[in-house]
C-alpha atoms as a PDB file:
ATOM      1  CA  MET A   1      13.921 -25.727 -24.065  1.00  0.00           C
ATOM      2  CA  ILE A   2      13.105 -27.070 -20.260  1.00  0.00           C
ATOM      3  CA  ASP A   3      14.888 -29.888 -18.987  1.00  0.00           C
ATOM      4  CA  LYS A   4      14.048 -31.871 -15.954  1.00  0.00           C
ATOM      5  CA  ILE A   5      16.648 -32.115 -13.154  1.00  0.00           C
ATOM      6  CA  SER A   6      16.892 -34.509 -10.349  1.00  0.00           C
ATOM      7  CA  ASN A   7      14.929 -33.185  -7.406  1.00  0.00           C
ATOM      8  CA  ASN A   8      11.800 -32.765  -9.574  1.00  0.00           C
ATOM      9  CA  LYS A   9      12.756 -29.024 -10.688  1.00  0.00           C
ATOM     10  CA  MET A  10      12.239 -27.798 -14.233  1.00  0.00           C
ATOM     11  CA  LEU A  11      14.660 -25.406 -15.016  1.00  0.00           C
ATOM     12  CA  GLU A  12      14.670 -23.228 -18.011  1.00  0.00           C
ATOM     13  CA  PRO A  13      18.320 -21.568 -18.883  1.00  0.00           C
ATOM     14  CA  ILE A  14      18.885 -18.010 -17.247  1.00  0.00           C
ATOM     15  CA  THR A  15      18.855 -15.347 -19.947  1.00  0.00           C
ATOM     16  CA  ASP A  16      19.799 -11.802 -18.570  1.00  0.00           C
ATOM     17  CA  GLY A  17      18.795 -12.272 -15.136  1.00  0.00           C
ATOM     18  CA  LEU A  18      15.814 -14.260 -15.736  1.00  0.00           C
ATOM     19  CA  ILE A  19      15.237 -17.537 -14.071  1.00  0.00           C
ATOM     20  CA  GLU A  20      12.316 -19.786 -14.332  1.00  0.00           C
ATOM     21  CA  GLN A  21      12.064 -23.088 -12.601  1.00  0.00           C
ATOM     22  CA  GLN A  22       9.059 -25.438 -11.268  1.00  0.00           C
ATOM     23  CA  ALA A  23       9.260 -27.806  -8.426  1.00  0.00           C
ATOM     24  CA  ILE A  24       6.503 -30.505  -7.141  1.00  0.00           C
ATOM     25  CA  VAL A  25       6.133 -30.766  -3.339  1.00  0.00           C
ATOM     26  CA  PRO A  26       6.966 -34.118  -1.840  1.00  0.00           C
ATOM     27  CA  LEU A  27       3.719 -35.735  -0.444  1.00  0.00           C
ATOM     28  CA  THR A  28       5.811 -36.120   2.428  1.00  0.00           C
ATOM     29  CA  ASP A  29       5.935 -32.333   2.775  1.00  0.00           C
ATOM     30  CA  VAL A  30       2.253 -32.431   4.203  1.00  0.00           C
ATOM     31  CA  GLY A  31       1.587 -29.489   7.019  1.00  0.00           C
ATOM     32  CA  ARG A  32       4.787 -27.653   6.168  1.00  0.00           C
ATOM     33  CA  ARG A  33       5.464 -24.175   5.594  1.00  0.00           C
ATOM     34  CA  LEU A  34       5.932 -22.866   1.957  1.00  0.00           C
ATOM     35  CA  ASP A  35       8.859 -20.932   2.707  1.00  0.00           C
ATOM     36  CA  GLN A  36      10.807 -23.977   4.249  1.00  0.00           C
ATOM     37  CA  VAL A  37       9.950 -26.374   1.393  1.00  0.00           C
ATOM     38  CA  ALA A  38      10.716 -23.798  -1.166  1.00  0.00           C
ATOM     39  CA  ALA A  39      14.364 -23.358   0.375  1.00  0.00           C
ATOM     40  CA  GLU A  40      14.909 -27.456  -0.025  1.00  0.00           C
ATOM     41  CA  LEU A  41      13.663 -27.434  -3.328  1.00  0.00           C
ATOM     42  CA  PHE A  42      15.272 -24.270  -4.758  1.00  0.00           C
ATOM     43  CA  SER A  43      18.219 -24.821  -3.146  1.00  0.00           C
ATOM     44  CA  ASP A  44      20.248 -22.625  -5.245  1.00  0.00           C
ATOM     45  CA  PHE A  45      18.583 -19.437  -3.948  1.00  0.00           C
ATOM     46  CA  SER A  46      18.974 -18.219   0.055  1.00  0.00           C
ATOM     47  CA  ARG A  47      15.876 -18.183   2.393  1.00  0.00           C
ATOM     48  CA  SER A  48      15.600 -14.391   2.388  1.00  0.00           C
ATOM     49  CA  ARG A  49      15.549 -14.331  -1.308  1.00  0.00           C
ATOM     50  CA  LEU A  50      12.478 -16.941  -1.525  1.00  0.00           C
ATOM     51  CA  LYS A  51      10.933 -15.311   0.952  1.00  0.00           C
ATOM     52  CA  LEU A  52      11.078 -12.263  -0.906  1.00  0.00           C
ATOM     53  CA  TRP A  53       9.896 -13.841  -3.947  1.00  0.00           C
ATOM     54  CA  ILE A  54       7.077 -15.704  -2.188  1.00  0.00           C
ATOM     55  CA  ASN A  55       5.600 -12.282  -0.679  1.00  0.00           C
ATOM     56  CA  GLN A  56       6.076 -10.453  -4.341  1.00  0.00           C
ATOM     57  CA  GLY A  57       4.114 -13.344  -6.033  1.00  0.00           C
ATOM     58  CA  GLU A  58       7.139 -14.289  -8.163  1.00  0.00           C
ATOM     59  CA  LEU A  59       7.271 -18.007  -6.415  1.00  0.00           C
ATOM     60  CA  LEU A  60       3.441 -19.480  -6.787  1.00  0.00           C
ATOM     61  CA  VAL A  61       1.567 -22.121  -5.359  1.00  0.00           C
ATOM     62  CA  ASP A  62      -0.603 -23.730  -8.096  1.00  0.00           C
ATOM     63  CA  ASP A  63      -0.657 -20.503  -9.979  1.00  0.00           C
ATOM     64  CA  GLN A  64      -1.880 -18.655  -6.760  1.00  0.00           C
ATOM     65  CA  GLN A  65       0.150 -16.225  -4.572  1.00  0.00           C
ATOM     66  CA  GLN A  66       0.450 -17.519  -0.786  1.00  0.00           C
ATOM     67  CA  VAL A  67       2.141 -16.210   2.403  1.00  0.00           C
ATOM     68  CA  PRO A  68       5.650 -17.539   3.428  1.00  0.00           C
ATOM     69  CA  LYS A  69       3.684 -19.317   6.324  1.00  0.00           C
ATOM     70  CA  TYR A  70       1.328 -21.106   3.943  1.00  0.00           C
ATOM     71  CA  LYS A  71       0.793 -24.615   5.151  1.00  0.00           C
ATOM     72  CA  LEU A  72       1.266 -27.223   2.038  1.00  0.00           C
ATOM     73  CA  LEU A  73      -0.493 -30.515   1.476  1.00  0.00           C
ATOM     74  CA  GLY A  74       1.753 -31.815  -0.310  1.00  0.00           C
ATOM     75  CA  GLY A  75       1.412 -32.314  -4.566  1.00  0.00           C
ATOM     76  CA  GLU A  76       1.414 -29.066  -5.412  1.00  0.00           C
ATOM     77  CA  ASN A  77       3.114 -27.395  -8.334  1.00  0.00           C
ATOM     78  CA  LEU A  78       5.606 -24.339  -6.960  1.00  0.00           C
ATOM     79  CA  ILE A  79       6.273 -21.735  -9.893  1.00  0.00           C
ATOM     80  CA  LEU A  80       9.092 -19.829  -9.699  1.00  0.00           C
ATOM     81  CA  SER A  81       9.424 -16.476 -12.376  1.00  0.00           C
ATOM     82  CA  ALA A  82      11.608 -14.134 -11.222  1.00  0.00           C
ATOM     83  CA  GLU A  83      14.467 -11.778 -11.897  1.00  0.00           C
ATOM     84  CA  LEU A  84      17.817 -13.051 -10.681  1.00  0.00           C
ATOM     85  CA  GLU A  85      19.679 -10.190  -9.356  1.00  0.00           C
ATOM     86  CA  PRO A  86      22.874  -9.688  -7.387  1.00  0.00           C
ATOM     87  CA  GLU A  87      22.489 -10.427  -3.910  1.00  0.00           C
ATOM     88  CA  GLY A  88      24.494  -8.439  -0.729  1.00  0.00           C
ATOM     89  CA  ASP A  89      27.274  -7.184  -2.571  1.00  0.00           C
ATOM     90  CA  TRP A  90      25.644  -3.655  -3.316  1.00  0.00           C
ATOM     91  CA  HIS A  91      27.886  -0.639  -2.803  1.00  0.00           C
ATOM     92  CA  PRO A  92      26.677   2.991  -2.144  1.00  0.00           C
ATOM     93  CA  GLU A  93      27.138   5.905  -4.941  1.00  0.00           C
ATOM     94  CA  ASN A  94      27.091   9.298  -4.809  1.00  0.00           C
ATOM     95  CA  ILE A  95      24.321   9.876  -7.135  1.00  0.00           C
ATOM     96  CA  PRO A  96      21.818  12.628  -6.779  1.00  0.00           C
ATOM     97  CA  LEU A  97      18.424  11.638  -5.693  1.00  0.00           C
ATOM     98  CA  ASP A  98      15.166  14.214  -6.383  1.00  0.00           C
ATOM     99  CA  ILE A  99      13.255  13.537  -3.090  1.00  0.00           C
ATOM    100  CA  VAL A 100       9.511  14.339  -2.722  1.00  0.00           C
ATOM    101  CA  PHE A 101       8.928  13.220   0.593  1.00  0.00           C
ATOM    102  CA  GLU A 102      11.146  11.660   3.498  1.00  0.00           C
ATOM    103  CA  ASP A 103      10.863  10.691   7.082  1.00  0.00           C
ATOM    104  CA  ASP A 104      11.594   8.081   9.160  1.00  0.00           C
ATOM    105  CA  HIS A 105       9.836   5.377   7.750  1.00  0.00           C
ATOM    106  CA  ILE A 106       9.491   5.855   4.090  1.00  0.00           C
ATOM    107  CA  LEU A 107      10.899   7.946   1.241  1.00  0.00           C
ATOM    108  CA  VAL A 108       9.417   9.218  -2.187  1.00  0.00           C
ATOM    109  CA  ILE A 109      11.607   9.906  -5.040  1.00  0.00           C
ATOM    110  CA  ASN A 110      11.101  11.389  -8.271  1.00  0.00           C
ATOM    111  CA  LYS A 111      12.853   9.051 -10.971  1.00  0.00           C
ATOM    112  CA  PRO A 112      14.154  10.617 -13.900  1.00  0.00           C
ATOM    113  CA  THR A 113      14.823   9.197 -17.060  1.00  0.00           C
ATOM    114  CA  ASN A 114      17.790   6.881 -18.074  1.00  0.00           C
ATOM    115  CA  PHE A 115      18.151   5.482 -14.344  1.00  0.00           C
ATOM    116  CA  VAL A 116      17.705   1.920 -13.305  1.00  0.00           C
ATOM    117  CA  VAL A 117      16.194   1.260 -10.268  1.00  0.00           C
ATOM    118  CA  HIS A 118      18.061  -2.516  -9.203  1.00  0.00           C
ATOM    119  CA  PRO A 119      21.260  -3.885 -10.131  1.00  0.00           C
ATOM    120  CA  ALA A 120      20.820  -6.793 -12.811  1.00  0.00           C
ATOM    121  CA  ALA A 121      22.806  -8.301 -15.247  1.00  0.00           C
ATOM    122  CA  GLY A 122      24.810  -5.330 -17.237  1.00  0.00           C
ATOM    123  CA  ASN A 123      23.601  -2.777 -14.778  1.00  0.00           C
ATOM    124  CA  TYR A 124      25.717  -3.389 -11.568  1.00  0.00           C
ATOM    125  CA  SER A 125      26.171  -0.160 -10.729  1.00  0.00           C
ATOM    126  CA  GLY A 126      24.689   3.472 -11.158  1.00  0.00           C
ATOM    127  CA  THR A 127      21.471   2.202 -10.271  1.00  0.00           C
ATOM    128  CA  LEU A 128      18.551   3.700  -7.743  1.00  0.00           C
ATOM    129  CA  LEU A 129      19.586   1.172  -5.205  1.00  0.00           C
ATOM    130  CA  ASN A 130      23.471   2.358  -5.221  1.00  0.00           C
ATOM    131  CA  ALA A 131      22.001   5.860  -4.852  1.00  0.00           C
ATOM    132  CA  LEU A 132      19.687   4.748  -1.907  1.00  0.00           C
ATOM    133  CA  LEU A 133      22.633   3.056   0.053  1.00  0.00           C
ATOM    134  CA  HIS A 134      24.414   6.493  -0.221  1.00  0.00           C
ATOM    135  CA  HIS A 135      21.431   8.322   0.517  1.00  0.00           C
ATOM    136  CA  ARG A 136      21.047   6.010   4.001  1.00  0.00           C
ATOM    137  CA  SER A 137      23.419   2.874   4.615  1.00  0.00           C
ATOM    138  CA  ALA A 138      20.733   1.649   7.062  1.00  0.00           C
ATOM    139  CA  LEU A 139      18.935   0.459   3.991  1.00  0.00           C
ATOM    140  CA  LEU A 140      21.499  -2.309   3.326  1.00  0.00           C
ATOM    141  CA  SER A 141      19.468  -4.289   5.902  1.00  0.00           C
ATOM    142  CA  VAL A 142      16.134  -3.908   4.514  1.00  0.00           C
ATOM    143  CA  PRO A 143      15.279  -6.182   1.284  1.00  0.00           C
ATOM    144  CA  ARG A 144      16.345  -4.682  -2.044  1.00  0.00           C
ATOM    145  CA  ALA A 145      17.418  -1.667  -0.062  1.00  0.00           C
ATOM    146  CA  GLY A 146      13.640  -0.854   0.865  1.00  0.00           C
ATOM    147  CA  ILE A 147      12.640  -1.034  -2.954  1.00  0.00           C
ATOM    148  CA  VAL A 148       9.111  -2.253  -3.084  1.00  0.00           C
ATOM    149  CA  HIS A 149       7.892  -1.596  -6.271  1.00  0.00           C
ATOM    150  CA  ARG A 150       9.820  -0.602  -9.961  1.00  0.00           C
ATOM    151  CA  LEU A 151       9.798   1.831 -12.826  1.00  0.00           C
ATOM    152  CA  ASP A 152      11.453   0.808 -15.740  1.00  0.00           C
ATOM    153  CA  LYS A 153      14.750   2.635 -16.862  1.00  0.00           C
ATOM    154  CA  ASP A 154      13.098   4.903 -19.002  1.00  0.00           C
ATOM    155  CA  THR A 155       9.849   5.514 -17.413  1.00  0.00           C
ATOM    156  CA  THR A 156      10.054   8.855 -15.211  1.00  0.00           C
ATOM    157  CA  GLY A 157       7.916   9.261 -11.999  1.00  0.00           C
ATOM    158  CA  LEU A 158       6.918   8.770  -8.615  1.00  0.00           C
ATOM    159  CA  MET A 159       8.361   5.609  -6.437  1.00  0.00           C
ATOM    160  CA  VAL A 160       8.159   4.956  -2.478  1.00  0.00           C
ATOM    161  CA  VAL A 161      11.049   3.492  -0.842  1.00  0.00           C
ATOM    162  CA  ALA A 162      10.731   1.441   2.790  1.00  0.00           C
ATOM    163  CA  LYS A 163      13.504   2.906   5.234  1.00  0.00           C
ATOM    164  CA  THR A 164      12.982   0.069   7.779  1.00  0.00           C
ATOM    165  CA  LEU A 165      11.666  -3.302   7.537  1.00  0.00           C
ATOM    166  CA  GLN A 166       8.209  -2.822   9.302  1.00  0.00           C
ATOM    167  CA  ALA A 167       7.514  -0.533   6.510  1.00  0.00           C
ATOM    168  CA  HIS A 168       8.854  -2.902   3.802  1.00  0.00           C
ATOM    169  CA  THR A 169       6.524  -5.257   5.228  1.00  0.00           C
ATOM    170  CA  ASP A 170       3.427  -3.139   5.267  1.00  0.00           C
ATOM    171  CA  LEU A 171       4.187  -1.679   1.634  1.00  0.00           C
ATOM    172  CA  VAL A 172       4.504  -5.150   0.063  1.00  0.00           C
ATOM    173  CA  MET A 173       1.090  -5.861   1.436  1.00  0.00           C
ATOM    174  CA  GLN A 174      -0.592  -2.630   0.705  1.00  0.00           C
ATOM    175  CA  LEU A 175       0.783  -3.581  -2.879  1.00  0.00           C
ATOM    176  CA  GLN A 176      -0.419  -7.519  -2.970  1.00  0.00           C
ATOM    177  CA  ALA A 177      -3.825  -5.768  -1.557  1.00  0.00           C
ATOM    178  CA  ARG A 178      -3.797  -3.433  -4.413  1.00  0.00           C
ATOM    179  CA  THR A 179      -4.706  -0.630  -1.972  1.00  0.00           C
ATOM    180  CA  VAL A 180      -1.836   1.682  -3.393  1.00  0.00           C
ATOM    181  CA  ARG A 181      -3.070   3.864  -5.897  1.00  0.00           C
ATOM    182  CA  ARG A 182      -0.861   4.524  -8.864  1.00  0.00           C
ATOM    183  CA  GLU A 183      -1.538   6.584 -11.716  1.00  0.00           C
ATOM    184  CA  TYR A 184       0.232   7.324 -15.120  1.00  0.00           C
ATOM    185  CA  GLU A 185       0.164   9.988 -18.068  1.00  0.00           C
ATOM    186  CA  ALA A 186       1.732   8.458 -21.516  1.00  0.00           C
ATOM    187  CA  VAL A 187       1.330   9.586 -25.024  1.00  0.00           C
ATOM    188  CA  VAL A 188       0.205   6.777 -27.571  1.00  0.00           C
ATOM    189  CA  SER A 189       0.180   6.251 -31.234  1.00  0.00           C
ATOM    190  CA  GLY A 190      -3.201   6.597 -32.775  1.00  0.00           C
ATOM    191  CA  ILE A 191      -6.348   8.276 -31.766  1.00  0.00           C
ATOM    192  CA  VAL A 192      -7.968   6.508 -28.874  1.00  0.00           C
ATOM    193  CA  ILE A 193     -11.806   6.757 -29.267  1.00  0.00           C
ATOM    194  CA  ALA A 194     -12.684   6.571 -25.374  1.00  0.00           C
ATOM    195  CA  GLY A 195     -11.369   5.469 -22.084  1.00  0.00           C
ATOM    196  CA  GLY A 196     -11.635   1.617 -21.028  1.00  0.00           C
ATOM    197  CA  THR A 197      -9.836  -1.231 -19.302  1.00  0.00           C
ATOM    198  CA  VAL A 198      -7.377  -3.809 -20.861  1.00  0.00           C
ATOM    199  CA  ASP A 199      -7.879  -6.960 -18.494  1.00  0.00           C
ATOM    200  CA  GLN A 200      -5.489  -9.421 -20.409  1.00  0.00           C
ATOM    201  CA  PRO A 201      -2.859 -11.818 -18.606  1.00  0.00           C
ATOM    202  CA  ILE A 202       0.825 -10.992 -19.028  1.00  0.00           C
ATOM    203  CA  GLY A 203       3.791 -13.340 -18.920  1.00  0.00           C
ATOM    204  CA  ARG A 204       7.227 -13.806 -20.425  1.00  0.00           C
ATOM    205  CA  HIS A 205       7.262 -13.760 -24.535  1.00  0.00           C
ATOM    206  CA  ALA A 206       7.507 -17.226 -25.665  1.00  0.00           C
ATOM    207  CA  LYS A 207      10.598 -16.803 -27.849  1.00  0.00           C
ATOM    208  CA  GLN A 208      12.119 -13.177 -26.995  1.00  0.00           C
ATOM    209  CA  ARG A 209      12.493 -14.062 -22.884  1.00  0.00           C
ATOM    210  CA  THR A 210      13.073 -10.334 -21.824  1.00  0.00           C
ATOM    211  CA  LYS A 211      10.209  -9.153 -23.227  1.00  0.00           C
ATOM    212  CA  MET A 212       6.499  -9.562 -21.635  1.00  0.00           C
ATOM    213  CA  ALA A 213       3.218 -10.484 -23.941  1.00  0.00           C
ATOM    214  CA  VAL A 214      -0.177 -11.252 -23.350  1.00  0.00           C
ATOM    215  CA  ILE A 215      -0.539 -14.735 -22.859  1.00  0.00           C
ATOM    216  CA  SER A 216      -3.348 -17.098 -22.104  1.00  0.00           C
ATOM    217  CA  ASP A 217      -1.568 -18.721 -18.912  1.00  0.00           C
ATOM    218  CA  GLY A 218       0.126 -15.312 -17.449  1.00  0.00           C
ATOM    219  CA  LYS A 219      -0.562 -13.249 -14.705  1.00  0.00           C
ATOM    220  CA  GLU A 220      -3.771 -11.765 -14.439  1.00  0.00           C
ATOM    221  CA  ALA A 221      -3.101  -7.892 -15.433  1.00  0.00           C
ATOM    222  CA  ARG A 222      -5.567  -5.057 -15.478  1.00  0.00           C
ATOM    223  CA  THR A 223      -5.057  -1.564 -16.623  1.00  0.00           C
ATOM    224  CA  HIS A 224      -7.694   1.277 -16.966  1.00  0.00           C
ATOM    225  CA  TYR A 225      -7.036   4.286 -18.881  1.00  0.00           C
ATOM    226  CA  LYS A 226      -9.343   7.470 -20.057  1.00  0.00           C
ATOM    227  CA  VAL A 227      -8.339   9.946 -22.651  1.00  0.00           C
ATOM    228  CA  LEU A 228      -7.039  13.522 -21.767  1.00  0.00           C
ATOM    229  CA  GLU A 229      -6.192  14.851 -24.981  1.00  0.00           C
ATOM    230  CA  ARG A 230      -6.535  13.822 -28.405  1.00  0.00           C
ATOM    231  CA  PHE A 231      -4.049  14.924 -31.390  1.00  0.00           C
ATOM    232  CA  ASP A 232      -4.160  13.841 -35.006  1.00  0.00           C
ATOM    233  CA  GLY A 233      -2.458  10.720 -35.061  1.00  0.00           C
ATOM    234  CA  HIS A 234      -1.836  10.063 -31.320  1.00  0.00           C
ATOM    235  CA  SER A 235      -3.225  10.197 -28.039  1.00  0.00           C
ATOM    236  CA  HIS A 236      -2.473  11.826 -24.204  1.00  0.00           C
ATOM    237  CA  LEU A 237      -3.776   9.327 -21.883  1.00  0.00           C
ATOM    238  CA  ARG A 238      -4.113   8.867 -18.008  1.00  0.00           C
ATOM    239  CA  LEU A 239      -3.653   5.408 -16.846  1.00  0.00           C
ATOM    240  CA  LYS A 240      -4.346   3.627 -13.533  1.00  0.00           C
ATOM    241  CA  LEU A 241      -2.688   0.147 -12.723  1.00  0.00           C
ATOM    242  CA  GLU A 242      -4.758  -2.214 -10.913  1.00  0.00           C
ATOM    243  CA  THR A 243      -2.113  -4.998 -11.004  1.00  0.00           C
ATOM    244  CA  GLY A 244       1.704  -4.388 -11.258  1.00  0.00           C
ATOM    245  CA  ARG A 245       3.057  -6.656 -13.982  1.00  0.00           C
ATOM    246  CA  THR A 246       6.697  -5.919 -15.655  1.00  0.00           C
ATOM    247  CA  HIS A 247       5.976  -3.553 -18.436  1.00  0.00           C
ATOM    248  CA  GLN A 248       2.219  -3.746 -17.724  1.00  0.00           C
ATOM    249  CA  ILE A 249       1.021  -0.264 -19.501  1.00  0.00           C
ATOM    250  CA  ARG A 250       3.614  -0.745 -22.104  1.00  0.00           C
ATOM    251  CA  VAL A 251       2.456  -4.225 -23.189  1.00  0.00           C
ATOM    252  CA  HIS A 252      -1.377  -3.523 -22.931  1.00  0.00           C
ATOM    253  CA  MET A 253      -0.945  -0.146 -24.836  1.00  0.00           C
ATOM    254  CA  ALA A 254       0.658  -2.369 -27.822  1.00  0.00           C
ATOM    255  CA  HIS A 255      -2.014  -5.032 -27.339  1.00  0.00           C
ATOM    256  CA  ILE A 256      -4.960  -2.631 -28.132  1.00  0.00           C
ATOM    257  CA  ARG A 257      -2.774  -1.108 -30.964  1.00  0.00           C
ATOM    258  CA  HIS A 258      -1.705   2.017 -29.350  1.00  0.00           C
ATOM    259  CA  PRO A 259       1.958   1.697 -28.415  1.00  0.00           C
ATOM    260  CA  ILE A 260       3.347   4.142 -26.265  1.00  0.00           C
ATOM    261  CA  VAL A 261       5.427   6.675 -28.443  1.00  0.00           C
ATOM    262  CA  GLY A 262       9.071   6.219 -28.324  1.00  0.00           C
ATOM    263  CA  ASP A 263       8.787   2.468 -26.989  1.00  0.00           C
ATOM    264  CA  ASP A 264      11.197   0.418 -28.959  1.00  0.00           C
ATOM    265  CA  THR A 265      10.602  -2.824 -27.464  1.00  0.00           C
ATOM    266  CA  TYR A 266       6.904  -2.964 -28.129  1.00  0.00           C
ATOM    267  CA  GLY A 267       6.222   0.192 -30.463  1.00  0.00           C
ATOM    268  CA  GLY A 268       6.992  -1.985 -33.304  1.00  0.00           C
ATOM    269  CA  ARG A 269       7.121   0.285 -36.648  1.00  0.00           C
ATOM    270  CA  LEU A 270       7.422   4.121 -35.983  1.00  0.00           C
ATOM    271  CA  ARG A 271       3.580   5.838 -36.638  1.00  0.00           C
ATOM    272  CA  ILE A 272       3.598   9.290 -37.621  1.00  0.00           C
ATOM    273  CA  HIS A 273       0.386  10.288 -39.421  1.00  0.00           C
ATOM    274  CA  LYS A 274      -0.189  11.599 -42.923  1.00  0.00           C
ATOM    275  CA  GLY A 275      -0.059  15.235 -43.195  1.00  0.00           C
ATOM    276  CA  ALA A 276       2.426  15.595 -40.128  1.00  0.00           C
ATOM    277  CA  SER A 277       4.310  18.842 -40.043  1.00  0.00           C
ATOM    278  CA  ILE A 278       8.242  18.454 -40.793  1.00  0.00           C
ATOM    279  CA  LYS A 279       8.525  19.874 -36.954  1.00  0.00           C
ATOM    280  CA  LEU A 280       6.148  17.083 -35.337  1.00  0.00           C
ATOM    281  CA  GLN A 281       8.113  14.294 -37.629  1.00  0.00           C
ATOM    282  CA  ASP A 282      11.383  15.072 -35.942  1.00  0.00           C
ATOM    283  CA  GLY A 283       9.828  15.394 -32.636  1.00  0.00           C
ATOM    284  CA  ILE A 284       8.339  12.064 -32.801  1.00  0.00           C
ATOM    285  CA  ARG A 285      11.501  10.388 -34.273  1.00  0.00           C
ATOM    286  CA  GLU A 286      13.672  12.181 -31.575  1.00  0.00           C
ATOM    287  CA  PHE A 287      12.076  11.306 -28.621  1.00  0.00           C
ATOM    288  CA  ASP A 288      14.346   8.491 -27.445  1.00  0.00           C
ATOM    289  CA  ARG A 289      12.429   6.832 -24.612  1.00  0.00           C
ATOM    290  CA  GLN A 290       8.843   5.470 -23.848  1.00  0.00           C
ATOM    291  CA  ALA A 291       6.583   8.415 -23.247  1.00  0.00           C
ATOM    292  CA  LEU A 292       5.215   7.251 -19.916  1.00  0.00           C
ATOM    293  CA  HIS A 293       5.522   9.131 -16.366  1.00  0.00           C
ATOM    294  CA  ALA A 294       4.414   7.862 -12.977  1.00  0.00           C
ATOM    295  CA  LYS A 295       2.122  10.988 -12.089  1.00  0.00           C
ATOM    296  CA  GLU A 296       0.408  10.167  -8.998  1.00  0.00           C
ATOM    297  CA  LEU A 297       1.059   7.944  -6.113  1.00  0.00           C
ATOM    298  CA  GLU A 298      -1.149   7.239  -2.850  1.00  0.00           C
ATOM    299  CA  LEU A 299      -0.826   4.881   0.010  1.00  0.00           C
ATOM    300  CA  ILE A 300      -1.394   4.643   3.776  1.00  0.00           C
ATOM    301  CA  HIS A 301       1.478   5.620   5.874  1.00  0.00           C
ATOM    302  CA  PRO A 302       2.891   2.348   7.315  1.00  0.00           C
ATOM    303  CA  ALA A 303       3.168   4.053  10.660  1.00  0.00           C
ATOM    304  CA  SER A 304       0.665   7.029  11.279  1.00  0.00           C
ATOM    305  CA  ARG A 305      -1.952   4.703   8.889  1.00  0.00           C
ATOM    306  CA  GLU A 306      -3.244   8.340   7.230  1.00  0.00           C
ATOM    307  CA  LEU A 307      -3.822   8.151   3.548  1.00  0.00           C
ATOM    308  CA  ILE A 308      -1.363  10.316   1.617  1.00  0.00           C
ATOM    309  CA  GLY A 309      -0.435  11.173  -1.703  1.00  0.00           C
ATOM    310  CA  TRP A 310       1.857  12.956  -3.925  1.00  0.00           C
ATOM    311  CA  THR A 311       1.754  14.215  -7.542  1.00  0.00           C
ATOM    312  CA  SER A 312       4.595  14.692  -9.836  1.00  0.00           C
ATOM    313  CA  ASP A 313       4.697  17.235 -12.885  1.00  0.00           C
ATOM    314  CA  LEU A 314       5.522  15.691 -16.301  1.00  0.00           C
ATOM    315  CA  PRO A 315       8.918  15.765 -17.088  1.00  0.00           C
ATOM    316  CA  SER A 316      10.332  18.603 -19.497  1.00  0.00           C
ATOM    317  CA  ASP A 317      10.407  16.209 -22.478  1.00  0.00           C
ATOM    318  CA  MET A 318       7.204  15.028 -22.572  1.00  0.00           C
ATOM    319  CA  GLN A 319       5.731  18.371 -21.862  1.00  0.00           C
ATOM    320  CA  ARG A 320       7.600  19.250 -25.146  1.00  0.00           C
ATOM    321  CA  LEU A 321       6.533  16.421 -26.934  1.00  0.00           C
ATOM    322  CA  LEU A 322       2.767  17.523 -26.193  1.00  0.00           C
ATOM    323  CA  GLU A 323       3.496  21.023 -27.354  1.00  0.00           C
ATOM    324  CA  ILE A 324       4.668  19.894 -30.676  1.00  0.00           C
ATOM    325  CA  LEU A 325       1.577  17.543 -30.908  1.00  0.00           C
ATOM    326  CA  ALA A 326      -0.540  20.256 -30.064  1.00  0.00           C
ATOM    327  CA  ASP A 327       0.937  22.531 -32.744  1.00  0.00           C
ATOM    328  CA  GLY A 328       0.676  19.539 -35.356  1.00  0.00           C
END
């Protein structure tokens, strides 16, 4: 239930770090900057956190993303939908990183499974952020220790991290402009006949607030996919993100009834086709994470302005899964 509170905000209780609030901009605030007004209307949060949410599209003006310096007219509806994270009390931890590329401006890592990216409720340590601070203590002065995008805990693959404020700003702008190319590989249930595009908005699930779902008033979300290989009862896909919503690929694949193998959150009942060998049945049942890997990453270097990219091999568990599927 949403309750009105005194300063025109509508507050929904925080659940597992999720926060959703709305506020109407007073007519007297005409001509003022968005970040300044937001700091007054959402006074529970720091200015730096609010500015970051604005830049990442988690604080919208009438359902539209704007920049912090955007001049308001008064009467707009500010909509905040973000994950509330610990702020400023982060500690370095000596956790090994698989570094694919590093220079003075950016860092590209190959993230393993079972590795949370950012501290949140229930995961205040042992995260990528803690590991990054140990690797380079100066990242404490960069928002979110340079993390500009995320992979789910059990999704593997490539991530870029900004090492400077300038690189952070540039990479966030590239992500907003959708010029960063991110391609994934996944194993899904069912035989996908042909490639295509899922163009369906995504937002918080109406009842299960830690989940996402395709909803009519959600944020624009678009996923392109093509078939790499078909098996009896499963398909190996290449997917390309045009937008970057939370759990986007997992939600979109489940929406078209081809959930990702091992996805307990969105996969529903375990699917094993008739006639599957005992080896295949065991292989599917024992695959204990979503079979999703961030395979390729391409962006414009924040300093040199060169287009650069990286590729990451499938992890051994997904390679083994594909071998089992091929054997039938």
